[in-house]
Amino acid sequence: MGFFSFIVLLAIAYLLWRISDQMPDILFRLSEIQRDIAEIRRNRDDADS
């Protein structure tokens, strides 16, 4: 059981490392999506006026 727990712990550590490695790219993409949505809303509001 101890060996299995060790393997599971290694797998969790690896997944956390991969997620943290990708975090700056994910945050950048989310900010770009937010900017695009805000621009679409502004354009829609301008068209309604």
PDB file of N, CA and C in Angstrom:
ATOM      1  N   MET A   1       0.833  -1.204   0.000  1.00  0.00           N
ATOM      2  CA  MET A   1       0.000   0.000   0.000  1.00  0.00           C
ATOM      3  C   MET A   1       0.870   1.258   0.000  1.00  0.00           C
ATOM      4  N   GLY A   2       2.009   1.213   0.670  1.00  0.00           N
ATOM      5  CA  GLY A   2       2.879   2.381   0.727  1.00  0.00           C
ATOM      6  C   GLY A   2       3.447   2.756  -0.634  1.00  0.00           C
ATOM      7  N   PHE A   3       3.776   1.752  -1.443  1.00  0.00           N
ATOM      8  CA  PHE A   3       4.308   2.027  -2.775  1.00  0.00           C
ATOM      9  C   PHE A   3       3.250   2.671  -3.656  1.00  0.00           C
ATOM     10  N   PHE A   4       2.016   2.156  -3.582  1.00  0.00           N
ATOM     11  CA  PHE A   4       0.916   2.722  -4.358  1.00  0.00           C
ATOM     12  C   PHE A   4       0.665   4.183  -3.962  1.00  0.00           C
ATOM     13  N   SER A   5       0.698   4.462  -2.666  1.00  0.00           N
ATOM     14  CA  SER A   5       0.510   5.838  -2.190  1.00  0.00           C
ATOM     15  C   SER A   5       1.617   6.748  -2.711  1.00  0.00           C
ATOM     16  N   PHE A   6       2.830   6.233  -2.758  1.00  0.00           N
ATOM     17  CA  PHE A   6       3.959   7.003  -3.273  1.00  0.00           C
ATOM     18  C   PHE A   6       3.765   7.330  -4.753  1.00  0.00           C
ATOM     19  N   ILE A   7       3.300   6.362  -5.536  1.00  0.00           N
ATOM     20  CA  ILE A   7       3.060   6.582  -6.968  1.00  0.00           C
ATOM     21  C   ILE A   7       1.945   7.613  -7.171  1.00  0.00           C
ATOM     22  N   VAL A   8       0.880   7.515  -6.390  1.00  0.00           N
ATOM     23  CA  VAL A   8      -0.219   8.479  -6.471  1.00  0.00           C
ATOM     24  C   VAL A   8       0.273   9.871  -6.112  1.00  0.00           C
ATOM     25  N   LEU A   9       1.095   9.980  -5.075  1.00  0.00           N
ATOM     26  CA  LEU A   9       1.650  11.269  -4.675  1.00  0.00           C
ATOM     27  C   LEU A   9       2.521  11.861  -5.780  1.00  0.00           C
ATOM     28  N   LEU A  10       3.326  11.031  -6.422  1.00  0.00           N
ATOM     29  CA  LEU A  10       4.141  11.497  -7.541  1.00  0.00           C
ATOM     30  C   LEU A  10       3.266  11.982  -8.696  1.00  0.00           C
ATOM     31  N   ALA A  11       2.203  11.265  -8.987  1.00  0.00           N
ATOM     32  CA  ALA A  11       1.299  11.663 -10.066  1.00  0.00           C
ATOM     33  C   ALA A  11       0.642  13.007  -9.759  1.00  0.00           C
ATOM     34  N   ILE A  12       0.203  13.200  -8.526  1.00  0.00           N
ATOM     35  CA  ILE A  12      -0.411  14.469  -8.134  1.00  0.00           C
ATOM     36  C   ILE A  12       0.601  15.604  -8.225  1.00  0.00           C
ATOM     37  N   ALA A  13       1.823  15.364  -7.757  1.00  0.00           N
ATOM     38  CA  ALA A  13       2.865  16.390  -7.831  1.00  0.00           C
ATOM     39  C   ALA A  13       3.162  16.749  -9.283  1.00  0.00           C
ATOM     40  N   TYR A  14       3.213  15.749 -10.160  1.00  0.00           N
ATOM     41  CA  TYR A  14       3.472  16.009 -11.577  1.00  0.00           C
ATOM     42  C   TYR A  14       2.350  16.843 -12.194  1.00  0.00           C
ATOM     43  N   LEU A  15       1.099  16.489 -11.896  1.00  0.00           N
ATOM     44  CA  LEU A  15      -0.030  17.249 -12.449  1.00  0.00           C
ATOM     45  C   LEU A  15      -0.026  18.689 -11.945  1.00  0.00           C
ATOM     46  N   LEU A  16       0.256  18.889 -10.661  1.00  0.00           N
ATOM     47  CA  LEU A  16       0.326  20.256 -10.127  1.00  0.00           C
ATOM     48  C   LEU A  16       1.451  21.036 -10.786  1.00  0.00           C
ATOM     49  N   TRP A  17       2.566  20.385 -11.037  1.00  0.00           N
ATOM     50  CA  TRP A  17       3.686  21.052 -11.698  1.00  0.00           C
ATOM     51  C   TRP A  17       3.301  21.462 -13.115  1.00  0.00           C
ATOM     52  N   ARG A  18       2.613  20.579 -13.840  1.00  0.00           N
ATOM     53  CA  ARG A  18       2.203  20.891 -15.215  1.00  0.00           C
ATOM     54  C   ARG A  18       1.198  22.044 -15.229  1.00  0.00           C
ATOM     55  N   ILE A  19       0.254  22.038 -14.290  1.00  0.00           N
ATOM     56  CA  ILE A  19      -0.742  23.117 -14.227  1.00  0.00           C
ATOM     57  C   ILE A  19      -0.062  24.437 -13.909  1.00  0.00           C
ATOM     58  N   SER A  20       0.839  24.455 -12.940  1.00  0.00           N
ATOM     59  CA  SER A  20       1.516  25.700 -12.577  1.00  0.00           C
ATOM     60  C   SER A  20       2.427  26.175 -13.702  1.00  0.00           C
ATOM     61  N   ASP A  21       2.949  25.241 -14.489  1.00  0.00           N
ATOM     62  CA  ASP A  21       3.788  25.604 -15.626  1.00  0.00           C
ATOM     63  C   ASP A  21       2.974  26.309 -16.709  1.00  0.00           C
ATOM     64  N   GLN A  22       1.708  25.940 -16.854  1.00  0.00           N
ATOM     65  CA  GLN A  22       0.850  26.511 -17.888  1.00  0.00           C
ATOM     66  C   GLN A  22       0.074  27.739 -17.408  1.00  0.00           C
ATOM     67  N   MET A  23       0.142  28.063 -16.126  1.00  0.00           N
ATOM     68  CA  MET A  23      -0.690  29.127 -15.561  1.00  0.00           C
ATOM     69  C   MET A  23      -0.513  30.497 -16.224  1.00  0.00           C
ATOM     70  N   PRO A  24       0.718  30.964 -16.496  1.00  0.00           N
ATOM     71  CA  PRO A  24       0.835  32.286 -17.146  1.00  0.00           C
ATOM     72  C   PRO A  24       0.142  32.335 -18.501  1.00  0.00           C
ATOM     73  N   ASP A  25       0.231  31.267 -19.284  1.00  0.00           N
ATOM     74  CA  ASP A  25      -0.415  31.239 -20.594  1.00  0.00           C
ATOM     75  C   ASP A  25      -1.930  31.233 -20.447  1.00  0.00           C
ATOM     76  N   ILE A  26      -2.428  30.479 -19.472  1.00  0.00           N
ATOM     77  CA  ILE A  26      -3.873  30.420 -19.247  1.00  0.00           C
ATOM     78  C   ILE A  26      -4.395  31.790 -18.829  1.00  0.00           C
ATOM     79  N   LEU A  27      -3.690  32.455 -17.928  1.00  0.00           N
ATOM     80  CA  LEU A  27      -4.128  33.784 -17.473  1.00  0.00           C
ATOM     81  C   LEU A  27      -4.097  34.793 -18.606  1.00  0.00           C
ATOM     82  N   PHE A  28      -3.085  34.726 -19.463  1.00  0.00           N
ATOM     83  CA  PHE A  28      -3.007  35.631 -20.603  1.00  0.00           C
ATOM     84  C   PHE A  28      -4.189  35.414 -21.542  1.00  0.00           C
ATOM     85  N   ARG A  29      -4.486  34.156 -21.815  1.00  0.00           N
ATOM     86  CA  ARG A  29      -5.601  33.857 -22.721  1.00  0.00           C
ATOM     87  C   ARG A  29      -6.929  34.302 -22.126  1.00  0.00           C
ATOM     88  N   LEU A  30      -7.103  34.127 -20.813  1.00  0.00           N
ATOM     89  CA  LEU A  30      -8.337  34.592 -20.177  1.00  0.00           C
ATOM     90  C   LEU A  30      -8.477  36.108 -20.250  1.00  0.00           C
ATOM     91  N   SER A  31      -7.374  36.831 -20.074  1.00  0.00           N
ATOM     92  CA  SER A  31      -7.445  38.289 -20.162  1.00  0.00           C
ATOM     93  C   SER A  31      -7.760  38.729 -21.584  1.00  0.00           C
ATOM     94  N   GLU A  32      -7.235  38.021 -22.580  1.00  0.00           N
ATOM     95  CA  GLU A  32      -7.555  38.338 -23.969  1.00  0.00           C
ATOM     96  C   GLU A  32      -9.037  38.098 -24.257  1.00  0.00           C
ATOM     97  N   ILE A  33      -9.579  37.010 -23.724  1.00  0.00           N
ATOM     98  CA  ILE A  33     -11.000  36.711 -23.923  1.00  0.00           C
ATOM     99  C   ILE A  33     -11.864  37.785 -23.259  1.00  0.00           C
ATOM    100  N   GLN A  34     -11.483  38.204 -22.051  1.00  0.00           N
ATOM    101  CA  GLN A  34     -12.232  39.263 -21.369  1.00  0.00           C
ATOM    102  C   GLN A  34     -12.202  40.559 -22.169  1.00  0.00           C
ATOM    103  N   ARG A  35     -11.040  40.887 -22.733  1.00  0.00           N
ATOM    104  CA  ARG A  35     -10.912  42.105 -23.525  1.00  0.00           C
ATOM    105  C   ARG A  35     -11.797  42.035 -24.769  1.00  0.00           C
ATOM    106  N   ASP A  36     -11.816  40.876 -25.418  1.00  0.00           N
ATOM    107  CA  ASP A  36     -12.649  40.700 -26.611  1.00  0.00           C
ATOM    108  C   ASP A  36     -14.129  40.802 -26.276  1.00  0.00           C
ATOM    109  N   ILE A  37     -14.543  40.218 -25.164  1.00  0.00           N
ATOM    110  CA  ILE A  37     -15.949  40.285 -24.763  1.00  0.00           C
ATOM    111  C   ILE A  37     -16.353  41.722 -24.452  1.00  0.00           C
ATOM    112  N   ALA A  38     -15.482  42.461 -23.776  1.00  0.00           N
ATOM    113  CA  ALA A  38     -15.775  43.857 -23.465  1.00  0.00           C
ATOM    114  C   ALA A  38     -15.906  44.675 -24.751  1.00  0.00           C
ATOM    115  N   GLU A  39     -15.065  44.399 -25.724  1.00  0.00           N
ATOM    116  CA  GLU A  39     -15.134  45.119 -26.995  1.00  0.00           C
ATOM    117  C   GLU A  39     -16.426  44.788 -27.740  1.00  0.00           C
ATOM    118  N   ILE A  40     -16.833  43.527 -27.721  1.00  0.00           N
ATOM    119  CA  ILE A  40     -18.085  43.126 -28.370  1.00  0.00           C
ATOM    120  C   ILE A  40     -19.267  43.811 -27.697  1.00  0.00           C
ATOM    121  N   ARG A  41     -19.259  43.866 -26.367  1.00  0.00           N
ATOM    122  CA  ARG A  41     -20.360  44.527 -25.647  1.00  0.00           C
ATOM    123  C   ARG A  41     -20.408  46.016 -25.973  1.00  0.00           C
ATOM    124  N   ARG A  42     -19.221  46.658 -26.033  1.00  0.00           N
ATOM    125  CA  ARG A  42     -19.193  48.083 -26.386  1.00  0.00           C
ATOM    126  C   ARG A  42     -19.751  48.305 -27.783  1.00  0.00           C
ATOM    127  N   ASN A  43     -19.365  47.470 -28.706  1.00  0.00           N
ATOM    128  CA  ASN A  43     -19.854  47.618 -30.082  1.00  0.00           C
ATOM    129  C   ASN A  43     -21.356  47.387 -30.143  1.00  0.00           C
ATOM    130  N   ARG A  44     -21.873  46.414 -29.390  1.00  0.00           N
ATOM    131  CA  ARG A  44     -23.309  46.144 -29.379  1.00  0.00           C
ATOM    132  C   ARG A  44     -24.073  47.313 -28.743  1.00  0.00           C
ATOM    133  N   ASP A  45     -23.522  47.881 -27.659  1.00  0.00           N
ATOM    134  CA  ASP A  45     -24.174  49.015 -27.008  1.00  0.00           C
ATOM    135  C   ASP A  45     -24.175  50.241 -27.904  1.00  0.00           C
ATOM    136  N   ASP A  46     -23.096  50.438 -28.648  1.00  0.00           N
ATOM    137  CA  ASP A  46     -23.026  51.569 -29.578  1.00  0.00           C
ATOM    138  C   ASP A  46     -24.027  51.408 -30.709  1.00  0.00           C
ATOM    139  N   ALA A  47     -24.240  50.188 -31.157  1.00  0.00           N
ATOM    140  CA  ALA A  47     -25.184  49.936 -32.241  1.00  0.00           C
ATOM    141  C   ALA A  47     -26.617  50.149 -31.774  1.00  0.00           C
ATOM    142  N   ASP A  48     -26.900  49.859 -30.498  1.00  0.00           N
ATOM    143  CA  ASP A  48     -28.251  50.035 -29.965  1.00  0.00           C
ATOM    144  C   ASP A  48     -28.590  51.511 -29.778  1.00  0.00           C
ATOM    145  N   SER A  49     -27.597  52.336 -29.559  1.00  0.00           N
ATOM    146  CA  SER A  49     -27.844  53.758 -29.283  1.00  0.00           C
ATOM    147  C   SER A  49     -28.185  54.525 -30.528  1.00  0.00           C
TER     148      SER A  49
END
